[in-house]
Every structure is written in structure tokens, then in C-alpha cells.
Amino acid sequence: MLKALLLLPLLGAGLLLLLPSRKVDLLRHVASIVAAATMVCAGVLLLDFDPASAAIQFFETRPWNPRVGSSLALGVDGISLPMLLLATILCFVAIVTSTAVRNGAKLYFSLILGLETSMLVVFAARDWSLFYVFWELTLIPLFFLIDRLGGANRHRAALNFVLYTLGGSVFMLIALLLLYDVAPGHSFAMDDMAAGSAQLPQKTQILVFLGLLLGFGVKMPIVPLHGWLPLAHVEAPSPISVLLSGILLKMGAYGLIRAAWTLPGAVLALQDWLALLALVSLIYGAVLAWRQTDLKAMIAYSSISHMGVVLLGIAALNEAGLNGAMTQMVAHGLAAGLLFMLIGLLYERTHRRDLAAYGSLNRTAPRFAAFIVLTLLASVGLPGSAGFIAELQVLIGAYGRWGGWLAILSIGVLISAAYALRAIRRLSTGPERPFAGAAPGVATFADLNRSETATAGVLSAAIVIIGFYPAPLLGLMSSSVARLAQQFAG
């Protein structure tokens, strides 16, 4: 089932290339069916998964290059399985909501399915060489998706994204080669490289971890490695922004968790510095989100703040903090994915993203207004939402390590609440503001149709269910997180 999960999107992309380009609706329906089947495979994998075991499950390996020591090693645990589920859900959402794509639809849907395979392999890889290859392969479809179908500054956005990520990947590759040199039998297997890292002096471990931190920090992103994110989010098609914010940022955090497991001594030595970076990212992202008038830019900067919460949970190095980081990754993936979906639908109907252009959407589009209000409140940790559960656990874990210094976290939360409430006030209250020129006015704004309402409803339900009943998600991760936290105990 794991192989089927990874290969199905790739086979679907090949099938799309055989279909006629002019049959746009057929291409979208076939891509939706493939994405839905992949989501079902992930669900079957979840049913067969034993959450009581911290071991790698569904593990299989095949020699890839025996002379080098690389292998096609795949498996999942309680840390990777939530990410696999999130990736399949958001890829399905991105495809279903891509109704506005008419030109180049064959390339567009094929690239999304190819991107899905690359992301799933990253989360399932148990060999660092396999991880690195597919980490880099995600750049190819994303470059063309932004460069070919993005906004006015799409070429600059795509180039910035690729250069930032490649620059970070150089340091990641050097760090992995240093670990490979000390791994037993010169192997890229994650377990072997973790065993070999214990032989390195602490200063060398710290340098290796810093190399990995640069690579993963660009993708998260961590301030000051975030320069690519706002431009890429604003210029990318909204369904691609769903994937960028909902999944691609989580790849960076996931890689950092694996790096912490590989180099526990280095993480312990840098724990306070990681917390400082997290707090800077949290407040910096929230302040810039507060200053934005473009809705997509606001959500992009808010993602920097939310990933700061993830980094703070990882830096706590205890069960509460790590559980909070993982929960925040899922919560932010759902909330940011839904926000970008809704803003994309708003832009398709009005061709505007400026907050000042809207007013009283609750009268003209009540379903849209209800979902946008719910999602904005959930994104800032409203009690009863998944974000509240995540931030509470991060707060508990971080307080156990740093005590009163965590008052700084409350500043970021307050600023986040300020920009969310400002957006809600602008969108849902005040007079109706018709657009100038040929763009349709708010008075003619079409509310969500049935399929859009159903998609938004599923994501909203997931956010609320996790908020009120987080036990299944926490139970899924608990054994693997406890095993990880034991490495840093004492």
C-alpha cells in the first residue's frame, strides 16, 4: 500500500500526458480521481498503522547504488504518517479548486501530481540520499507552476524560490556527506547516519546540524531565510499557494525533526539559540502580516509566524513541545490551505485581493464570509480549533524549559489576533464597496457553490474536530514523539 500511495500520482501524471490538451474538464476530473484515490490509499495506510509502536512500519528497502551505500528505503512512523495524510488531502483540494485553469491544463495537473509524488517520498524516505533527491525534485514542478501560471512578477518569484532553496540545499548536501563519511559501512540509511554521528566531536556535530538547519530553515522558513516566501505566495496561482503553505513549509519542519533525531547532541547545545530564532520568526511574521493590505501577502507572512511556533516546539525537546510542533504543522496546513483556497476563489470572482476593496461580504456571500471568519480565528488559535491545541502544547513544553521568557510568545499571539480581527472587520462589516473599472463589484460577488462549500466544509470540520477531540491525532504521534523526546532527556 505504501508503494501504491507513492506511485499512484506519478502514474496519474503519465496518464494525463496521454489525454488531449483541449479536454480541460476531462483532465481536471481525471486528476481529481487520481488525487482522491491517493487520499484513499493514505487512509488505508492509517487503518493498518499501529500507533502503539514507535518502530518504522511498512518498511521496505531495495539497493539503489550499493557502491555508494544508497537504497530505496521507505517506511512511516507516527511523525511521517500525519504529513502523508495532510499532503494527500491538500493535493486533492488544490486540484479540485483549480477550475479557473484553462490554458496549459495538461501541464498544470501533471506537474501537481508529479509534485505530490515527490513530497510523499520525502515524508516516507528512510535513506538520506533518497530524501535529498526527492527534496530537490520538488523544485522542478514548483518552478514551472509559478513561472508559467503565476502573476505579473511570476518569473522573479520562481527564480527567487529556486535560488533560495538550492542555496540552502548546498549546505544540506555538505552536512549529509560529512555524516555519510562516519556512518557504519558508509551508508546513507538514516539509522546508520544517526549512529555514526555519535562518533563526531560536539563542535563538528554543531557545524553539521547548522548545515542541515540552513537547508531546512529556508523551506520552513526561518527568519532571515524567508525572503522567497511572500513573493512566491503572492505570485503563485492560489491552488499552488495551498501546497506551498500547507505542505512545502512542513517539509522543512519535518526535515528539521529528522535532523534533531540524527544529531541530538548538537540540538541540545543549540537549544536556546533555536528558541531565539523561533521567537524572532514568530513576532516578525506577525508584525508584517499585520501591516499587509494584500490578503495573500498577509497569509504568507502569518505562515512565517506560525512556523515560528513549530520551531519553538521543536526547540523545547520534550514531549509536550514536540507534540505541539507536530499538531501545529497539521493545524497550520489545514487552516492556511483553506485560507489560500478561499482567497483564490475571491480573486477569481473579483480580480482583487486588497482588503480595502471589500465590505459586508456576510450579506452578499454568507457562506464565504462564515468560512473566512472561522478560518481566520482558527489560524490564531481560537479555543475549539486545532491551532489552540497546538499552541497550548507548545506553550506547556516551552514553559517547562524557559519559564517566564515565554511571555514573549503572548506578544506574537496578540499581534496575530490583531491582524485576523482587522481582516474580519474589513471583509464582513462596513458598507459594500463596488470596484472601480470593469472588475465586478462586491454586490455581484457569487457565493461558494456546492463543490466549493463541500471542500471548505471538510477542511473546516477537520480543524474543529481536532480542536475538540485531539486524542486520535495525538495518539497517532505519541509513541514516535516519546521515543524522540527520550533522546534529549537527562
Protein backbone atom coordinates (compact mmCIF):
# COMPACT_ATOMS: atom_id res chain seq x y z
CA MET A 1 0.00 0.00 0.00
CA LEU A 2 2.87 2.40 0.68
CA LYS A 3 4.29 1.84 -2.81
CA ALA A 4 0.83 2.31 -4.30
CA LEU A 5 0.47 5.57 -2.39
CA LEU A 6 3.77 6.88 -3.77
CA LEU A 7 3.39 5.67 -7.35
CA LEU A 8 -0.27 6.46 -7.96
CA PRO A 9 0.16 10.25 -8.51
CA LEU A 10 3.12 9.60 -10.81
CA LEU A 11 1.10 7.11 -12.89
CA GLY A 12 -1.76 9.61 -12.95
CA ALA A 13 0.58 12.29 -14.31
CA GLY A 14 1.64 9.90 -17.07
CA LEU A 15 -2.00 9.18 -17.90
CA LEU A 16 -2.77 12.89 -18.19
CA LEU A 17 0.02 13.33 -20.72
CA LEU A 18 -1.79 10.84 -22.99
CA LEU A 19 -5.08 12.76 -22.93
CA PRO A 20 -5.91 15.54 -25.42
CA SER A 21 -4.97 19.02 -24.25
CA ARG A 22 -8.27 20.61 -25.33
CA LYS A 23 -10.32 18.41 -22.94
CA VAL A 24 -9.69 20.64 -19.94
CA ASP A 25 -12.60 19.38 -17.84
CA LEU A 26 -11.63 15.78 -18.52
CA LEU A 27 -8.05 16.49 -17.45
CA ARG A 28 -9.25 18.04 -14.18
CA HIS A 29 -11.68 15.20 -13.47
CA VAL A 30 -9.01 12.53 -14.09
CA ALA A 31 -6.51 14.41 -11.91
CA SER A 32 -9.16 14.71 -9.17
CA ILE A 33 -9.89 10.98 -9.31
CA VAL A 34 -6.16 10.15 -9.06
CA ALA A 35 -5.75 12.55 -6.11
CA ALA A 36 -8.83 11.07 -4.42
CA ALA A 37 -7.51 7.53 -4.92
CA THR A 38 -4.18 8.58 -3.40
CA MET A 39 -6.04 10.01 -0.43
CA VAL A 40 -7.89 6.70 -0.02
CA CYS A 41 -4.56 4.82 -0.09
CA ALA A 42 -3.30 7.07 2.71
CA GLY A 43 -6.48 6.30 4.66
CA VAL A 44 -5.94 2.56 4.25
CA LEU A 45 -2.36 3.02 5.43
CA LEU A 46 -3.71 4.79 8.51
CA LEU A 47 -6.07 1.89 9.27
CA ASP A 48 -3.19 -0.60 9.10
CA PHE A 49 -0.85 1.56 11.19
CA ASP A 50 -0.18 0.56 14.80
CA PRO A 51 0.08 3.81 16.84
CA ALA A 52 1.29 1.92 19.92
CA SER A 53 4.58 1.10 18.18
CA ALA A 54 7.37 3.63 17.80
CA ALA A 55 9.12 1.49 15.19
CA ILE A 56 9.20 2.27 11.48
CA GLN A 57 6.24 0.46 9.90
CA PHE A 58 5.63 -0.76 6.32
CA PHE A 59 9.41 -0.69 5.96
CA GLU A 60 10.96 -1.98 2.76
CA THR A 61 14.28 -1.37 1.11
CA ARG A 62 15.89 -2.11 -2.24
CA PRO A 63 19.52 -1.43 -3.20
CA TRP A 64 19.78 1.73 -5.27
CA ASN A 65 23.53 2.18 -5.65
CA PRO A 66 25.32 -0.42 -3.47
CA ARG A 67 28.76 1.01 -4.25
CA VAL A 68 27.72 4.34 -2.76
CA GLY A 69 25.62 2.84 0.03
CA SER A 70 22.26 4.31 -1.01
CA SER A 71 18.97 2.43 -1.09
CA LEU A 72 15.30 2.92 -1.90
CA ALA A 73 14.31 2.61 1.76
CA LEU A 74 10.73 3.53 2.65
CA GLY A 75 8.70 3.43 5.85
CA VAL A 76 6.46 5.52 8.07
CA ASP A 77 6.11 6.26 11.77
CA GLY A 78 3.90 8.49 13.87
CA ILE A 79 5.80 11.58 12.73
CA SER A 80 5.65 10.98 8.98
CA LEU A 81 2.14 9.50 8.67
CA PRO A 82 0.28 12.73 9.63
CA MET A 83 2.31 14.55 6.99
CA LEU A 84 1.43 11.95 4.35
CA LEU A 85 -2.26 12.32 5.18
CA LEU A 86 -2.05 16.12 5.09
CA ALA A 87 -0.24 16.08 1.73
CA THR A 88 -2.81 13.84 0.04
CA ILE A 89 -5.73 15.92 1.38
CA LEU A 90 -4.31 19.27 0.28
CA CYS A 91 -3.22 17.99 -3.14
CA PHE A 92 -6.82 16.86 -3.71
CA VAL A 93 -8.10 20.29 -2.57
CA ALA A 94 -5.63 22.08 -4.88
CA ILE A 95 -6.75 20.08 -7.91
CA VAL A 96 -10.48 20.30 -7.20
CA THR A 97 -10.33 24.08 -6.78
CA SER A 98 -8.30 24.66 -9.97
CA THR A 99 -11.41 25.35 -12.05
CA ALA A 100 -10.00 28.62 -13.41
CA VAL A 101 -7.05 26.90 -15.10
CA ARG A 102 -7.85 26.59 -18.81
CA ASN A 103 -4.60 27.29 -20.65
CA GLY A 104 -1.89 24.70 -20.17
CA ALA A 105 -4.16 22.47 -18.07
CA LYS A 106 -2.40 19.25 -19.08
CA LEU A 107 0.99 20.51 -17.91
CA TYR A 108 -0.54 22.08 -14.81
CA PHE A 109 -2.29 18.97 -13.47
CA SER A 110 0.59 16.68 -14.47
CA LEU A 111 3.03 18.86 -12.55
CA ILE A 112 0.83 18.88 -9.45
CA LEU A 113 0.62 15.06 -9.44
CA GLY A 114 4.36 14.79 -10.01
CA LEU A 115 4.91 17.22 -7.14
CA GLU A 116 2.66 15.10 -4.93
CA THR A 117 4.79 12.00 -5.53
CA SER A 118 7.98 13.93 -4.70
CA MET A 119 6.52 15.27 -1.44
CA LEU A 120 5.19 11.87 -0.38
CA VAL A 121 8.58 10.22 -0.98
CA VAL A 122 10.27 12.90 1.15
CA PHE A 123 7.96 12.05 4.07
CA ALA A 124 8.35 8.28 3.59
CA ALA A 125 12.11 8.12 2.87
CA ARG A 126 14.31 6.24 5.33
CA ASP A 127 17.52 6.95 3.40
CA TRP A 128 19.03 10.41 3.36
CA SER A 129 20.12 10.17 -0.30
CA LEU A 130 16.56 9.28 -1.34
CA PHE A 131 15.27 12.11 0.85
CA TYR A 132 17.65 14.61 -0.72
CA VAL A 133 16.94 13.62 -4.33
CA PHE A 134 13.19 13.98 -3.96
CA TRP A 135 13.60 17.12 -1.83
CA GLU A 136 15.33 18.67 -4.85
CA LEU A 137 12.84 17.20 -7.33
CA THR A 138 10.03 19.24 -5.77
CA LEU A 139 11.72 22.35 -7.20
CA ILE A 140 11.12 21.38 -10.82
CA PRO A 141 7.29 21.25 -10.86
CA LEU A 142 7.03 24.22 -8.50
CA PHE A 143 9.29 26.35 -10.70
CA PHE A 144 7.15 25.75 -13.78
CA LEU A 145 3.86 26.06 -11.88
CA ILE A 146 4.86 29.52 -10.62
CA ASP A 147 6.78 30.65 -13.70
CA ARG A 148 4.16 29.60 -16.27
CA LEU A 149 0.91 30.30 -14.44
CA GLY A 150 1.73 32.91 -11.80
CA GLY A 151 1.06 36.65 -11.58
CA ALA A 152 2.83 39.63 -13.08
CA ASN A 153 6.11 39.03 -11.18
CA ARG A 154 5.99 35.25 -11.60
CA HIS A 155 9.43 34.95 -13.24
CA ARG A 156 11.14 36.75 -10.36
CA ALA A 157 9.14 34.77 -7.79
CA ALA A 158 10.01 31.42 -9.37
CA LEU A 159 13.70 32.31 -9.68
CA ASN A 160 13.88 33.55 -6.07
CA PHE A 161 12.25 30.38 -4.82
CA VAL A 162 14.65 28.11 -6.70
CA LEU A 163 17.79 30.09 -5.82
CA TYR A 164 16.92 30.29 -2.11
CA THR A 165 16.14 26.58 -1.92
CA LEU A 166 19.17 25.50 -3.94
CA GLY A 167 21.41 27.72 -1.82
CA GLY A 168 20.17 26.05 1.34
CA SER A 169 20.42 22.61 -0.24
CA VAL A 170 24.14 23.06 -0.88
CA PHE A 171 24.78 23.30 2.86
CA MET A 172 22.43 20.38 3.49
CA LEU A 173 24.33 18.21 1.00
CA ILE A 174 27.69 19.04 2.57
CA ALA A 175 26.31 18.18 6.01
CA LEU A 176 24.91 14.86 4.76
CA LEU A 177 28.25 13.95 3.13
CA LEU A 178 30.03 14.60 6.44
CA LEU A 179 27.58 12.27 8.19
CA TYR A 180 27.99 9.69 5.42
CA ASP A 181 31.73 9.66 5.98
CA VAL A 182 31.32 8.48 9.60
CA ALA A 183 28.29 6.20 9.08
CA PRO A 184 28.95 2.48 9.61
CA GLY A 185 29.65 0.90 6.24
CA HIS A 186 29.40 4.29 4.50
CA SER A 187 25.65 4.12 4.24
CA PHE A 188 23.02 6.83 3.67
CA ALA A 189 20.46 4.93 5.76
CA MET A 190 19.01 7.25 8.41
CA ASP A 191 19.67 4.83 11.25
CA ASP A 192 23.29 4.30 10.18
CA MET A 193 23.98 8.00 9.83
CA ALA A 194 22.44 8.68 13.25
CA ALA A 195 24.70 6.01 14.76
CA GLY A 196 27.75 7.44 13.03
CA SER A 197 27.02 10.99 14.17
CA ALA A 198 27.65 9.96 17.80
CA GLN A 199 31.32 9.45 16.90
CA LEU A 200 31.78 13.09 15.92
CA PRO A 201 33.07 15.73 18.37
CA GLN A 202 30.37 18.08 19.58
CA LYS A 203 31.73 21.06 17.63
CA THR A 204 31.62 19.04 14.43
CA GLN A 205 28.09 17.88 15.22
CA ILE A 206 27.05 21.50 15.68
CA LEU A 207 28.56 22.51 12.33
CA VAL A 208 26.82 19.60 10.59
CA PHE A 209 23.50 20.48 12.21
CA LEU A 210 23.88 24.12 11.19
CA GLY A 211 24.27 22.96 7.59
CA LEU A 212 21.04 20.99 7.85
CA LEU A 213 19.37 23.93 9.61
CA LEU A 214 20.20 26.22 6.68
CA GLY A 215 18.69 23.78 4.21
CA PHE A 216 15.53 23.09 6.19
CA GLY A 217 15.27 26.65 7.54
CA VAL A 218 14.90 28.08 4.02
CA LYS A 219 11.91 25.85 3.36
CA MET A 220 10.17 26.39 6.73
CA PRO A 221 11.06 29.36 6.51
CA ILE A 222 13.00 30.77 9.49
CA VAL A 223 13.84 34.48 9.64
CA PRO A 224 16.15 35.64 7.98
CA LEU A 225 15.87 32.84 5.37
CA HIS A 226 12.31 33.76 4.40
CA GLY A 227 12.90 36.15 1.51
CA TRP A 228 11.40 33.88 -1.15
CA LEU A 229 8.12 33.18 0.65
CA PRO A 230 6.00 36.36 0.36
CA LEU A 231 6.71 36.87 -3.33
CA ALA A 232 6.18 33.21 -4.21
CA HIS A 233 2.86 33.09 -2.33
CA VAL A 234 1.57 36.30 -3.89
CA GLU A 235 2.55 35.41 -7.45
CA ALA A 236 1.73 31.69 -7.46
CA PRO A 237 -1.75 30.52 -8.51
CA SER A 238 -3.86 30.16 -5.37
CA PRO A 239 -4.09 26.33 -5.55
CA ILE A 240 -0.29 26.25 -5.66
CA SER A 241 -0.18 28.59 -2.65
CA VAL A 242 -2.28 25.96 -0.88
CA LEU A 243 0.51 23.45 -1.49
CA LEU A 244 3.33 25.88 -0.73
CA SER A 245 1.93 26.93 2.63
CA GLY A 246 0.11 23.74 3.54
CA ILE A 247 2.79 21.15 2.72
CA LEU A 248 6.07 22.60 1.44
CA LEU A 249 6.73 24.55 4.64
CA LYS A 250 6.05 21.35 6.62
CA MET A 251 8.76 19.57 4.65
CA GLY A 252 11.29 21.95 6.22
CA ALA A 253 9.96 21.37 9.75
CA TYR A 254 9.80 17.61 9.16
CA GLY A 255 13.39 17.57 7.93
CA LEU A 256 14.47 19.54 11.00
CA ILE A 257 12.83 16.96 13.27
CA ARG A 258 14.73 14.19 11.47
CA ALA A 259 17.94 16.22 11.78
CA ALA A 260 17.33 16.61 15.53
CA TRP A 261 16.89 12.85 15.82
CA THR A 262 20.16 12.31 13.91
CA LEU A 263 22.21 14.88 15.89
CA PRO A 264 20.70 15.12 19.39
CA GLY A 265 23.90 16.44 20.98
CA ALA A 266 24.08 19.38 18.58
CA VAL A 267 20.39 20.25 19.10
CA LEU A 268 20.82 20.26 22.86
CA ALA A 269 23.82 22.59 22.54
CA LEU A 270 21.87 24.97 20.26
CA GLN A 271 18.54 24.70 22.06
CA ASP A 272 18.41 28.28 23.36
CA TRP A 273 19.51 29.73 20.01
CA LEU A 274 16.79 27.79 18.21
CA ALA A 275 14.23 29.18 20.66
CA LEU A 276 15.50 32.72 19.98
CA LEU A 277 15.17 32.18 16.22
CA ALA A 278 11.66 30.83 16.78
CA LEU A 279 10.55 33.87 18.81
CA VAL A 280 12.05 36.28 16.26
CA SER A 281 10.24 34.48 13.41
CA LEU A 282 7.02 34.39 15.40
CA ILE A 283 6.93 38.12 16.17
CA TYR A 284 8.46 39.31 12.88
CA GLY A 285 5.98 37.35 10.80
CA ALA A 286 3.02 38.50 12.89
CA VAL A 287 4.04 42.19 12.69
CA LEU A 288 4.49 42.08 8.91
CA ALA A 289 1.18 40.22 8.48
CA TRP A 290 -0.46 42.99 10.50
CA ARG A 291 0.97 45.59 8.10
CA GLN A 292 -0.30 43.97 4.88
CA THR A 293 -3.29 45.04 2.82
CA ASP A 294 -2.91 42.27 0.21
CA LEU A 295 -4.72 39.20 1.54
CA LYS A 296 -2.28 36.66 0.09
CA ALA A 297 0.72 38.58 1.45
CA MET A 298 -0.95 38.69 4.86
CA ILE A 299 -1.40 34.91 4.94
CA ALA A 300 2.15 34.41 3.65
CA TYR A 301 3.70 36.44 6.48
CA SER A 302 1.39 34.82 9.01
CA SER A 303 2.82 31.46 7.90
CA ILE A 304 6.28 32.64 8.99
CA SER A 305 4.81 33.38 12.43
CA HIS A 306 3.08 30.02 12.68
CA MET A 307 6.18 28.12 11.64
CA GLY A 308 7.98 30.02 14.41
CA VAL A 309 5.60 28.27 16.81
CA VAL A 310 6.61 24.94 15.23
CA LEU A 311 10.31 25.75 15.67
CA LEU A 312 9.72 26.73 19.31
CA GLY A 313 8.01 23.38 19.96
CA ILE A 314 10.92 21.52 18.37
CA ALA A 315 13.44 23.55 20.37
CA ALA A 316 11.70 22.61 23.64
CA LEU A 317 12.91 19.00 23.06
CA ASN A 318 10.26 17.48 25.32
CA GLU A 319 7.09 15.52 24.61
CA ALA A 320 4.71 18.44 25.09
CA GLY A 321 6.71 20.73 22.81
CA LEU A 322 7.24 18.13 20.09
CA ASN A 323 3.57 17.11 20.18
CA GLY A 324 2.66 20.77 19.89
CA ALA A 325 5.02 21.26 16.93
CA MET A 326 3.53 18.29 15.09
CA THR A 327 -0.03 19.37 15.87
CA GLN A 328 0.76 22.90 14.71
CA MET A 329 2.09 21.53 11.43
CA VAL A 330 -1.22 19.77 10.81
CA ALA A 331 -3.33 22.68 12.10
CA HIS A 332 -1.49 25.27 10.03
CA GLY A 333 -1.60 23.06 6.96
CA LEU A 334 -5.39 22.82 7.18
CA ALA A 335 -6.00 26.48 8.09
CA ALA A 336 -3.53 28.03 5.64
CA GLY A 337 -4.68 25.69 2.89
CA LEU A 338 -8.30 26.72 3.44
CA LEU A 339 -7.40 30.42 3.63
CA PHE A 340 -5.49 30.34 0.35
CA MET A 341 -8.33 28.38 -1.26
CA LEU A 342 -10.90 30.98 -0.16
CA ILE A 343 -8.74 33.96 -1.15
CA GLY A 344 -8.11 32.30 -4.51
CA LEU A 345 -11.86 31.94 -5.10
CA LEU A 346 -12.33 35.57 -4.06
CA TYR A 347 -9.68 36.68 -6.54
CA GLU A 348 -11.20 34.62 -9.37
CA ARG A 349 -14.53 36.36 -8.88
CA THR A 350 -13.34 39.93 -8.28
CA HIS A 351 -9.73 40.14 -9.53
CA ARG A 352 -8.80 41.99 -6.36
CA ARG A 353 -7.02 40.98 -3.14
CA ASP A 354 -6.88 44.35 -1.38
CA LEU A 355 -8.61 44.41 1.99
CA ALA A 356 -9.84 47.95 1.38
CA ALA A 357 -11.84 46.78 -1.65
CA TYR A 358 -14.27 44.65 0.35
CA GLY A 359 -17.07 45.13 2.81
CA SER A 360 -20.17 43.34 4.12
CA LEU A 361 -19.44 40.03 2.43
CA ASN A 362 -21.66 38.46 5.06
CA ARG A 363 -24.62 39.99 3.17
CA THR A 364 -23.60 39.17 -0.38
CA ALA A 365 -21.76 35.86 0.25
CA PRO A 366 -22.72 34.47 3.67
CA ARG A 367 -21.16 31.04 3.16
CA PHE A 368 -17.86 32.55 2.08
CA ALA A 369 -17.93 35.01 4.99
CA ALA A 370 -18.66 32.26 7.52
CA PHE A 371 -15.75 30.13 6.34
CA ILE A 372 -13.26 33.02 6.16
CA VAL A 373 -14.17 34.19 9.68
CA LEU A 374 -13.89 30.66 11.09
CA THR A 375 -10.54 30.04 9.41
CA LEU A 376 -9.00 33.37 10.40
CA LEU A 377 -9.99 32.80 14.02
CA ALA A 378 -8.72 29.21 13.90
CA SER A 379 -5.40 30.40 12.47
CA VAL A 380 -4.75 32.49 15.58
CA GLY A 381 -5.56 29.67 17.99
CA LEU A 382 -9.22 30.21 18.88
CA PRO A 383 -10.24 27.70 21.62
CA GLY A 384 -12.04 24.83 19.95
CA SER A 385 -9.71 24.85 16.93
CA ALA A 386 -6.68 22.69 16.13
CA GLY A 387 -4.40 25.72 16.44
CA PHE A 388 -5.38 26.20 20.08
CA ILE A 389 -4.41 22.61 20.95
CA ALA A 390 -1.08 23.05 19.18
CA GLU A 391 -0.17 26.39 20.74
CA LEU A 392 -1.20 25.21 24.20
CA GLN A 393 1.13 22.20 23.99
CA VAL A 394 3.99 24.32 22.65
CA LEU A 395 3.43 26.78 25.49
CA ILE A 396 3.49 24.00 28.09
CA GLY A 397 6.59 22.41 26.61
CA ALA A 398 8.46 25.69 26.22
CA TYR A 399 7.45 26.92 29.68
CA GLY A 400 8.95 23.77 31.17
CA ARG A 401 12.29 24.73 29.59
CA TRP A 402 12.43 28.55 29.67
CA GLY A 403 9.79 29.62 32.19
CA GLY A 404 8.79 33.28 32.17
CA TRP A 405 10.58 34.07 28.93
CA LEU A 406 7.56 32.62 27.21
CA ALA A 407 5.72 35.88 27.87
CA ILE A 408 7.23 36.89 24.51
CA LEU A 409 5.06 34.24 22.88
CA SER A 410 1.96 36.05 24.10
CA ILE A 411 3.06 39.16 22.16
CA GLY A 412 3.05 37.19 18.94
CA VAL A 413 -0.37 35.73 19.74
CA LEU A 414 -1.80 39.21 20.40
CA ILE A 415 -0.41 40.60 17.14
CA SER A 416 -1.80 37.57 15.28
CA ALA A 417 -5.21 38.21 16.80
CA ALA A 418 -4.95 41.87 15.72
CA TYR A 419 -4.38 41.14 12.01
CA ALA A 420 -7.04 38.42 11.98
CA LEU A 421 -9.65 40.65 13.58
CA ARG A 422 -8.72 43.51 11.25
CA ALA A 423 -9.24 41.25 8.22
CA ILE A 424 -12.57 40.02 9.62
CA ARG A 425 -13.74 43.59 10.23
CA ARG A 426 -12.79 44.70 6.71
CA LEU A 427 -14.33 41.69 4.98
CA SER A 428 -17.52 41.27 6.95
CA THR A 429 -18.58 44.71 8.16
CA GLY A 430 -19.00 48.21 6.83
CA PRO A 431 -20.55 49.39 3.57
CA GLU A 432 -20.45 47.37 0.39
CA ARG A 433 -17.57 48.63 -1.75
CA PRO A 434 -18.02 48.24 -5.51
CA PHE A 435 -14.86 48.04 -7.57
CA ALA A 436 -13.80 50.69 -9.98
CA GLY A 437 -13.48 49.92 -13.65
CA ALA A 438 -14.55 46.70 -15.29
CA ALA A 439 -13.89 44.45 -12.30
CA PRO A 440 -17.12 43.08 -10.82
CA GLY A 441 -18.25 44.67 -7.58
CA VAL A 442 -18.82 43.04 -4.25
CA ALA A 443 -22.54 43.45 -4.80
CA THR A 444 -22.32 40.87 -7.57
CA PHE A 445 -19.90 38.58 -5.74
CA ALA A 446 -21.03 34.99 -6.26
CA ASP A 447 -21.11 32.91 -3.09
CA LEU A 448 -19.45 29.50 -2.84
CA ASN A 449 -21.09 26.82 -4.96
CA ARG A 450 -21.83 23.32 -3.71
CA SER A 451 -18.47 21.74 -4.50
CA GLU A 452 -16.55 24.70 -3.06
CA THR A 453 -18.74 24.66 0.06
CA ALA A 454 -18.18 20.92 0.47
CA THR A 455 -14.40 21.27 0.13
CA ALA A 456 -14.26 24.18 2.58
CA GLY A 457 -16.60 22.30 4.92
CA VAL A 458 -14.34 19.24 5.05
CA LEU A 459 -11.26 21.29 5.93
CA SER A 460 -13.20 23.35 8.48
CA ALA A 461 -14.60 20.20 10.05
CA ALA A 462 -11.09 18.75 10.37
CA ILE A 463 -9.90 21.94 12.12
CA VAL A 464 -12.82 21.87 14.58
CA ILE A 465 -12.74 18.10 15.21
CA ILE A 466 -9.04 18.21 16.09
CA GLY A 467 -9.75 21.23 18.30
CA PHE A 468 -12.47 19.48 20.30
CA TYR A 469 -11.17 15.91 20.09
CA PRO A 470 -7.39 15.84 19.51
CA ALA A 471 -6.88 12.39 21.06
CA PRO A 472 -6.74 10.41 17.76
CA LEU A 473 -4.10 12.71 16.27
CA LEU A 474 -2.06 12.84 19.48
CA GLY A 475 -2.37 9.07 19.87
CA LEU A 476 -1.11 8.57 16.32
CA MET A 477 2.05 10.54 17.10
CA SER A 478 2.57 9.73 20.78
CA SER A 479 4.85 6.67 20.60
CA SER A 480 7.17 8.14 17.97
CA VAL A 481 7.31 11.52 19.70
CA ALA A 482 8.02 9.88 23.08
CA ARG A 483 10.86 7.90 21.53
CA LEU A 484 12.29 11.08 20.02
CA ALA A 485 11.99 13.02 23.28
CA GLN A 486 13.84 10.24 25.18
CA GLN A 487 16.97 11.12 23.24
CA PHE A 488 17.04 14.54 24.87
CA ALA A 489 16.01 13.51 28.39
CA GLY A 490 18.63 13.87 31.05
